[in-house]
Every structure is written in C-alpha cells, then in structure tokens.
C-alpha cells in the first residue's frame, strides 16, 4: 500500500508558525551558494555531477524552511543556517543516489571517512582539498561557522555532524541486510540520522541565547532536548514515508519499524507513529510547564539566565512549528515527490 492510498494523520502543533522578515533576501540568493558548491547545475558549478536540477532545488523550498524555523534570526544567522540546511539535504540526496540506491557499502564507508576530515575539533585545522560538492559545502561551512563568539560549541556541532554522516552508513547496512531496527533502538538512532543533535545549536545561533550552564546537563533539560529532537525526526518519517520506503527502498523509518515490531498494517502503523510523535510533543510541553520551573528555582538562576532560557525555549518552539509547516507544505514531501 502506498502513502497515496493512506490519509496521512494530522500532527498536532500548538505553536504558531512565524516567518523571518529576511525570507525575500534568502530567495534572491538561494541558488548562488548551491551553484558555487556544485550542488546545483549551472555555468559556474565546479562539479560535473550536480545533485539537483533547478526544479528539484526550488521544490524543496529550503529558504521557506529556514525562514519558518528561525523567525527571529538576524540576516547573518539566517544565511548561515540556510547554507547548513542546504548542505544537510544535499548530503542526504547525494548519499541516497550514490550509495543507498546502488548498495555500495565500501564506497559509503570511504566517502564518510573523508567527510570526517572536514569536521576537525580545532577551528584552525587544515582541511583536505574538496573533491565533490558535499566536501566543498562542508569546507565552506567550516570556514564561516566558527567566529569567536561560537567557539564554545564548535566541538559539539562537529560531533553532531559526525554522528549524522555515520548514521547514513548504518542506514545503508540495515537496508542491505533487510534489517528493520527495533523500536527502542530506533528512537535513539533517529536523532542521529536526522541530524537532530545539530538543532539546539541552530536555535542558539538564531536566538543568541544559551541554556544556562547550571542546568544544561540536568536530567530535566536532557529529557527536554530528547523530546525536542524526537519530534523532528519521527514526524519526518511520516512525511517522508513515500519517498524513503517506496522510492528509496529504505527500512529506516518509524512507520516500518512499528509495522514490523508490532505486526501492524501500514495504515495502523502510520497512525501509531502519529500517536508516538504526539506523545513526544506532549512530554516536551510537560517538561517546560511542570518540571523546568522548579529546576530553575532550585538552581537559583538569576534574571539574566532566566531570560536566556526563555529566549532559547521560544526559539525551540519556533523551530518545531517551522518544521511542521515545511513537512505539510513543501513539494518534497507531497505525494508524487519532487519534480525532475
């Protein structure tokens, strides 16, 4: 049964979607970076094998995604996050066509090992000469991502990116073996394979706010971040079921995991997945409403720290509502997929 035959469940999203006022600027320059990196076909593209056609590129609506998820970001922060979003989607589409569709596990290992060389822990480390659009894009991001004020999370972001690209190899291993992950394993793995561990850094860059250090590693905040990240990847599995499972023959999808683990039909699994996504969002809300205030009180956060936390949480709400709007509105996730 294809997703066109199933009425997709409507996912609850209590946070209103807002739009960054710099969207028009992103739209005007949206193609430029992708062409310069070789991701998009064009006269100035340095790669002979672009990842997207122009129609595919615009159907993804990445500029809209960035402006929805980061409505309060400055133009500089928005532009940087936009390039990161483009890179992540370029990696995903390239990896799918070059390795998942061909089953080339050895090539995937070699490609991923090279990418690790573009994720150094030190900001002044030398990088290899880029050999393709993905490496070129990451080299450019490494050059721009780490001004002095962002140095405190440089290592964390690159660790998150390393987990993201490594997860692609594990997805390929699973698909080649026909091995569907079990539900407990998959919930953790999806945070890695969706690059969800990078999202808190995007929120921080966009808002200029940090979760205060005194509570950052508490059980409550860790649970909050887990729920925040789970919504992203698990909701994406519902939106991308058609393209991942039927077009790419991927087994790494929550609907497939539930279908296999619990012996459900596709329709039942789709709605069970929606219930699980909703439960993670409710837990996120519960933690903010009921467990975060007493933690803030016990930790004795001062007014400045409380304002930082509130600003970060507002950014996280916007991030989730923007993703939800993109999943439900972008042609990338519409039945029939992105045009050629």
Protein backbone atom coordinates (compact mmCIF):
# COMPACT_ATOMS: atom_id res chain seq x y z
CA UNK A 1 0.00 0.00 0.00
CA UNK A 2 1.40 3.38 -0.99
CA UNK A 3 1.11 6.53 1.04
CA UNK A 4 -1.20 7.99 -1.63
CA UNK A 5 -3.73 5.34 -0.55
CA UNK A 6 -3.49 6.38 3.11
CA UNK A 7 -4.90 9.51 4.64
CA UNK A 8 -1.90 10.93 6.42
CA UNK A 9 -2.56 11.66 10.09
CA UNK A 10 -2.68 15.31 11.09
CA UNK A 11 0.05 16.01 13.61
CA UNK A 12 -0.74 18.40 16.44
CA UNK A 13 1.34 21.57 16.55
CA UNK A 14 0.32 24.08 19.27
CA UNK A 15 3.00 26.67 18.43
CA UNK A 16 2.08 29.18 15.72
CA UNK A 17 4.33 29.34 12.71
CA UNK A 18 6.05 32.68 12.12
CA UNK A 19 8.11 33.93 9.20
CA UNK A 20 11.51 35.58 9.27
CA UNK A 21 11.33 39.00 7.55
CA UNK A 22 14.51 38.22 5.60
CA UNK A 23 12.90 35.44 3.55
CA UNK A 24 12.92 37.60 0.40
CA UNK A 25 16.69 38.03 0.74
CA UNK A 26 17.18 34.27 1.03
CA UNK A 27 15.05 33.72 -2.06
CA UNK A 28 17.13 36.15 -4.11
CA UNK A 29 20.41 34.48 -3.20
CA UNK A 30 19.18 30.92 -2.62
CA UNK A 31 20.68 29.41 -5.77
CA UNK A 32 24.02 31.18 -5.56
CA UNK A 33 25.70 29.14 -2.85
CA UNK A 34 24.35 25.82 -4.14
CA UNK A 35 25.73 26.61 -7.61
CA UNK A 36 29.09 27.71 -6.23
CA UNK A 37 29.40 24.47 -4.26
CA UNK A 38 28.41 22.35 -7.27
CA UNK A 39 25.12 21.10 -5.80
CA UNK A 40 23.03 22.72 -8.50
CA UNK A 41 23.54 22.66 -12.25
CA UNK A 42 24.78 25.93 -13.76
CA UNK A 43 27.52 27.57 -15.76
CA UNK A 44 29.61 28.30 -12.68
CA UNK A 45 29.11 24.96 -10.93
CA UNK A 46 32.53 23.37 -10.29
CA UNK A 47 31.09 19.84 -10.27
CA UNK A 48 30.21 17.91 -13.41
CA UNK A 49 27.60 15.95 -11.47
CA UNK A 50 25.17 18.30 -9.75
CA UNK A 51 22.86 16.87 -7.10
CA UNK A 52 19.71 18.76 -8.10
CA UNK A 53 18.08 20.19 -11.15
CA UNK A 54 16.72 23.72 -10.81
CA UNK A 55 13.13 22.46 -10.48
CA UNK A 56 14.12 19.97 -7.80
CA UNK A 57 16.00 22.66 -5.93
CA UNK A 58 13.12 25.10 -5.79
CA UNK A 59 10.56 22.40 -4.99
CA UNK A 60 12.44 21.69 -1.74
CA UNK A 61 11.63 25.23 -0.51
CA UNK A 62 14.68 25.29 1.75
CA UNK A 63 14.54 29.07 2.01
CA UNK A 64 11.00 28.74 3.38
CA UNK A 65 12.14 26.05 5.83
CA UNK A 66 14.89 28.28 7.18
CA UNK A 67 12.65 31.34 7.49
CA UNK A 68 9.92 29.34 9.26
CA UNK A 69 12.18 27.58 11.75
CA UNK A 70 14.21 30.68 12.67
CA UNK A 71 11.76 33.61 12.56
CA UNK A 72 13.79 35.86 14.89
CA UNK A 73 17.27 35.26 13.45
CA UNK A 74 19.43 38.06 12.13
CA UNK A 75 20.21 38.01 8.43
CA UNK A 76 23.73 36.71 9.10
CA UNK A 77 22.49 33.88 11.32
CA UNK A 78 19.66 33.07 8.91
CA UNK A 79 22.03 32.91 5.94
CA UNK A 80 24.40 30.59 7.82
CA UNK A 81 21.61 28.26 8.92
CA UNK A 82 20.24 28.28 5.38
CA UNK A 83 23.53 27.07 3.99
CA UNK A 84 23.65 24.37 6.63
CA UNK A 85 20.12 23.23 5.69
CA UNK A 86 21.12 23.13 2.03
CA UNK A 87 24.21 21.10 2.87
CA UNK A 88 22.30 18.58 5.00
CA UNK A 89 19.73 18.00 2.26
CA UNK A 90 22.45 17.80 -0.39
CA UNK A 91 24.27 15.16 1.68
CA UNK A 92 21.03 13.22 2.16
CA UNK A 93 20.09 13.22 -1.53
CA UNK A 94 23.64 12.52 -2.72
CA UNK A 95 24.14 9.66 -0.25
CA UNK A 96 20.81 8.13 -1.27
CA UNK A 97 21.58 8.19 -5.00
CA UNK A 98 25.28 7.31 -4.82
CA UNK A 99 25.19 4.61 -2.14
CA UNK A 100 21.73 3.60 -0.92
CA UNK A 101 20.32 3.02 -4.40
CA UNK A 102 23.45 1.19 -5.55
CA UNK A 103 24.14 -0.71 -2.33
CA UNK A 104 27.77 0.47 -2.44
CA UNK A 105 28.74 -0.01 1.20
CA UNK A 106 32.50 0.20 0.58
CA UNK A 107 32.04 3.48 -1.28
CA UNK A 108 29.83 4.82 1.53
CA UNK A 109 32.49 3.99 4.13
CA UNK A 110 35.21 5.73 2.10
CA UNK A 111 33.04 8.77 1.39
CA UNK A 112 32.10 9.12 5.08
CA UNK A 113 35.66 8.68 6.30
CA UNK A 114 36.71 11.55 4.04
CA UNK A 115 33.92 13.73 5.45
CA UNK A 116 35.28 13.25 8.96
CA UNK A 117 38.42 15.06 7.81
CA UNK A 118 36.22 18.12 7.17
CA UNK A 119 34.93 18.08 10.79
CA UNK A 120 38.03 18.95 12.83
CA UNK A 121 37.82 19.79 16.55
CA UNK A 122 40.17 22.75 16.13
CA UNK A 123 38.96 25.86 14.25
CA UNK A 124 42.34 26.48 12.61
CA UNK A 125 42.92 22.89 11.44
CA UNK A 126 43.76 22.49 7.77
CA UNK A 127 41.19 20.72 5.61
CA UNK A 128 41.78 18.44 2.61
CA UNK A 129 41.16 19.73 -0.88
CA UNK A 130 37.42 19.16 -1.55
CA UNK A 131 36.72 16.56 -4.22
CA UNK A 132 32.96 16.93 -4.61
CA UNK A 133 30.01 19.20 -3.84
CA UNK A 134 29.42 17.73 -0.36
CA UNK A 135 33.01 18.21 0.74
CA UNK A 136 33.13 21.65 -0.84
CA UNK A 137 29.99 22.71 1.02
CA UNK A 138 31.25 21.44 4.36
CA UNK A 139 34.64 23.11 3.90
CA UNK A 140 32.87 26.40 3.22
CA UNK A 141 30.64 25.97 6.29
CA UNK A 142 33.65 25.20 8.49
CA UNK A 143 35.20 28.43 7.29
CA UNK A 144 32.13 30.50 8.22
CA UNK A 145 30.59 28.66 11.16
CA UNK A 146 33.03 29.47 13.89
CA UNK A 147 33.60 33.12 14.66
CA UNK A 148 34.96 33.64 18.18
CA UNK A 149 31.55 34.00 19.82
CA UNK A 150 30.56 30.50 18.69
CA UNK A 151 33.77 28.76 19.76
CA UNK A 152 32.16 27.25 22.88
CA UNK A 153 30.01 24.86 20.83
CA UNK A 154 32.28 24.19 17.84
CA UNK A 155 33.27 20.73 19.04
CA UNK A 156 29.68 19.81 19.90
CA UNK A 157 28.37 20.80 16.49
CA UNK A 158 31.05 18.89 14.61
CA UNK A 159 30.39 15.86 16.82
CA UNK A 160 26.71 16.09 15.90
CA UNK A 161 27.58 16.31 12.21
CA UNK A 162 29.86 13.28 12.51
CA UNK A 163 27.00 11.30 14.07
CA UNK A 164 24.75 12.38 11.21
CA UNK A 165 27.01 11.15 8.42
CA UNK A 166 27.91 7.95 10.31
CA UNK A 167 24.20 7.20 10.69
CA UNK A 168 23.87 7.20 6.91
CA UNK A 169 26.27 4.28 6.71
CA UNK A 170 24.33 2.38 9.38
CA UNK A 171 21.09 3.03 7.48
CA UNK A 172 22.71 1.50 4.40
CA UNK A 173 23.88 -1.52 6.42
CA UNK A 174 20.33 -2.04 7.69
CA UNK A 175 18.79 -1.71 4.23
CA UNK A 176 21.28 -4.06 2.58
CA UNK A 177 20.58 -6.71 5.23
CA UNK A 178 16.84 -6.06 5.26
CA UNK A 179 17.21 -5.42 8.97
CA UNK A 180 14.48 -3.25 10.44
CA UNK A 181 15.64 -1.65 13.73
CA UNK A 182 13.56 -2.37 16.82
CA UNK A 183 11.58 0.49 18.32
CA UNK A 184 13.80 1.17 21.35
CA UNK A 185 16.95 1.21 19.23
CA UNK A 186 15.37 3.33 16.53
CA UNK A 187 14.19 6.18 18.78
CA UNK A 188 17.80 6.98 19.73
CA UNK A 189 19.19 6.27 16.28
CA UNK A 190 16.74 8.64 14.58
CA UNK A 191 18.17 11.62 16.48
CA UNK A 192 21.47 10.87 14.79
CA UNK A 193 20.17 10.06 11.31
CA UNK A 194 18.03 13.21 11.19
CA UNK A 195 20.92 15.45 12.35
CA UNK A 196 18.67 16.42 15.26
CA UNK A 197 21.70 16.89 17.51
CA UNK A 198 22.59 19.95 15.44
CA UNK A 199 19.21 21.64 16.06
CA UNK A 200 19.96 23.03 19.55
CA UNK A 201 22.97 24.80 18.04
CA UNK A 202 20.85 26.29 15.27
CA UNK A 203 18.42 27.61 17.88
CA UNK A 204 21.30 29.07 19.85
CA UNK A 205 22.81 30.74 16.80
CA UNK A 206 19.44 32.19 15.77
CA UNK A 207 18.39 33.48 19.20
CA UNK A 208 21.78 34.37 20.64
CA UNK A 209 20.63 32.57 23.80
CA UNK A 210 22.05 29.56 25.60
CA UNK A 211 20.54 27.10 28.04
CA UNK A 212 22.25 28.19 31.29
CA UNK A 213 25.27 26.09 32.18
CA UNK A 214 23.98 25.41 35.69
CA UNK A 215 21.06 23.36 34.36
CA UNK A 216 22.33 22.35 30.93
CA UNK A 217 23.26 18.79 31.98
CA UNK A 218 20.37 18.16 34.36
CA UNK A 219 18.04 15.23 33.82
CA UNK A 220 15.15 17.58 33.08
CA UNK A 221 16.98 19.51 30.36
CA UNK A 222 18.37 16.31 28.82
CA UNK A 223 14.84 14.89 28.67
CA UNK A 224 13.62 18.18 27.20
CA UNK A 225 16.23 18.07 24.45
CA UNK A 226 15.46 14.43 23.71
CA UNK A 227 11.75 15.18 23.26
CA UNK A 228 12.60 18.25 21.15
CA UNK A 229 14.80 16.17 18.84
CA UNK A 230 12.44 13.20 18.71
CA UNK A 231 9.60 15.27 17.31
CA UNK A 232 11.76 16.38 14.37
CA UNK A 233 12.93 13.03 13.09
CA UNK A 234 9.86 10.95 13.93
CA UNK A 235 7.47 13.45 12.37
CA UNK A 236 9.72 13.48 9.31
CA UNK A 237 9.30 9.71 8.99
CA UNK A 238 5.57 10.19 8.48
CA UNK A 239 6.02 12.99 5.97
CA UNK A 240 8.76 11.21 4.02
CA UNK A 241 7.35 7.67 4.11
CA UNK A 242 6.62 7.59 0.38
CA UNK A 243 10.00 8.81 -0.82
CA UNK A 244 12.05 6.82 1.72
CA UNK A 245 10.26 3.49 1.71
CA UNK A 246 8.71 3.22 -1.76
CA UNK A 247 11.16 5.33 -3.78
CA UNK A 248 14.43 4.57 -1.95
CA UNK A 249 13.53 1.13 -0.52
CA UNK A 250 14.70 2.21 2.92
CA UNK A 251 13.83 0.26 6.08
CA UNK A 252 14.91 3.03 8.45
CA UNK A 253 11.53 4.65 9.03
CA UNK A 254 9.31 4.76 12.11
CA UNK A 255 6.27 3.51 10.19
CA UNK A 256 8.20 0.44 9.00
CA UNK A 257 9.63 -0.10 12.49
CA UNK A 258 6.16 -0.10 14.05
CA UNK A 259 4.70 -2.20 11.25
CA UNK A 260 7.40 -4.85 11.75
CA UNK A 261 7.78 -4.74 15.53
CA UNK A 262 4.09 -4.75 16.36
CA UNK A 263 2.68 -6.66 13.41
CA UNK A 264 0.56 -3.74 12.21
CA UNK A 265 -0.79 -2.85 8.80
CA UNK A 266 0.75 0.18 7.11
CA UNK A 267 -2.30 2.26 7.94
CA UNK A 268 -2.26 1.18 11.60
CA UNK A 269 1.49 1.81 11.81
CA UNK A 270 1.10 5.26 10.29
CA UNK A 271 -1.40 6.26 12.96
CA UNK A 272 0.64 4.62 15.73
CA UNK A 273 3.60 6.69 14.55
CA UNK A 274 1.49 9.84 14.76
CA UNK A 275 0.47 8.90 18.32
CA UNK A 276 4.11 8.47 19.28
CA UNK A 277 5.08 11.81 17.73
CA UNK A 278 2.23 13.46 19.63
CA UNK A 279 3.35 11.84 22.88
CA UNK A 280 6.86 13.22 22.48
CA UNK A 281 5.48 16.71 21.88
CA UNK A 282 3.25 16.45 24.96
CA UNK A 283 6.26 15.38 27.01
CA UNK A 284 8.19 18.39 25.73
CA UNK A 285 5.32 20.64 26.87
CA UNK A 286 5.01 18.83 30.21
CA UNK A 287 8.69 19.34 31.00
CA UNK A 288 8.52 23.06 30.19
CA UNK A 289 5.34 23.60 32.15
CA UNK A 290 5.84 21.34 35.19
CA UNK A 291 9.47 20.35 35.66
CA UNK A 292 11.54 23.23 34.35
CA UNK A 293 10.19 25.94 36.75
CA UNK A 294 11.14 24.07 39.96
CA UNK A 295 14.54 23.23 38.44
CA UNK A 296 15.15 26.91 37.69
CA UNK A 297 14.15 27.74 41.26
CA UNK A 298 16.38 25.08 42.83
CA UNK A 299 19.36 26.10 40.69
CA UNK A 300 18.91 29.74 41.72
CA UNK A 301 19.15 31.09 38.18
CA UNK A 302 19.42 34.85 38.09
CA UNK A 303 17.27 37.13 35.93
CA UNK A 304 19.73 37.12 33.05
CA UNK A 305 19.94 33.34 32.99
CA UNK A 306 16.15 33.03 33.11
CA UNK A 307 15.81 35.39 30.18
CA UNK A 308 18.37 33.35 28.24
CA UNK A 309 16.42 30.18 28.92
CA UNK A 310 13.10 31.76 27.91
CA UNK A 311 14.61 33.07 24.68
CA UNK A 312 16.06 29.66 23.84
CA UNK A 313 12.72 27.94 24.52
CA UNK A 314 10.89 30.42 22.27
CA UNK A 315 13.42 29.59 19.58
CA UNK A 316 12.84 25.86 20.09
CA UNK A 317 9.06 26.29 19.79
CA UNK A 318 9.54 28.21 16.55
CA UNK A 319 11.91 25.56 15.25
CA UNK A 320 9.31 22.81 15.75
CA UNK A 321 6.44 24.81 14.29
CA UNK A 322 8.56 25.73 11.27
CA UNK A 323 9.49 22.11 10.62
CA UNK A 324 5.85 21.10 10.91
CA UNK A 325 4.85 23.76 8.37
CA UNK A 326 7.55 22.56 5.97
CA UNK A 327 6.59 18.89 6.30
CA UNK A 328 2.97 19.71 5.49
CA UNK A 329 3.63 22.30 2.77
CA UNK A 330 6.81 21.56 0.81
CA UNK A 331 6.57 19.67 -2.51
CA UNK A 332 9.48 17.50 -1.30
CA UNK A 333 7.01 15.69 0.95
CA UNK A 334 3.93 15.82 -1.27
CA UNK A 335 2.60 12.59 -2.84
CA UNK A 336 4.36 12.24 -6.17
CA UNK A 337 7.56 13.76 -4.82
CA UNK A 338 9.83 16.45 -6.20
CA UNK A 339 9.68 17.03 -9.96
CA UNK A 340 12.66 16.10 -12.15
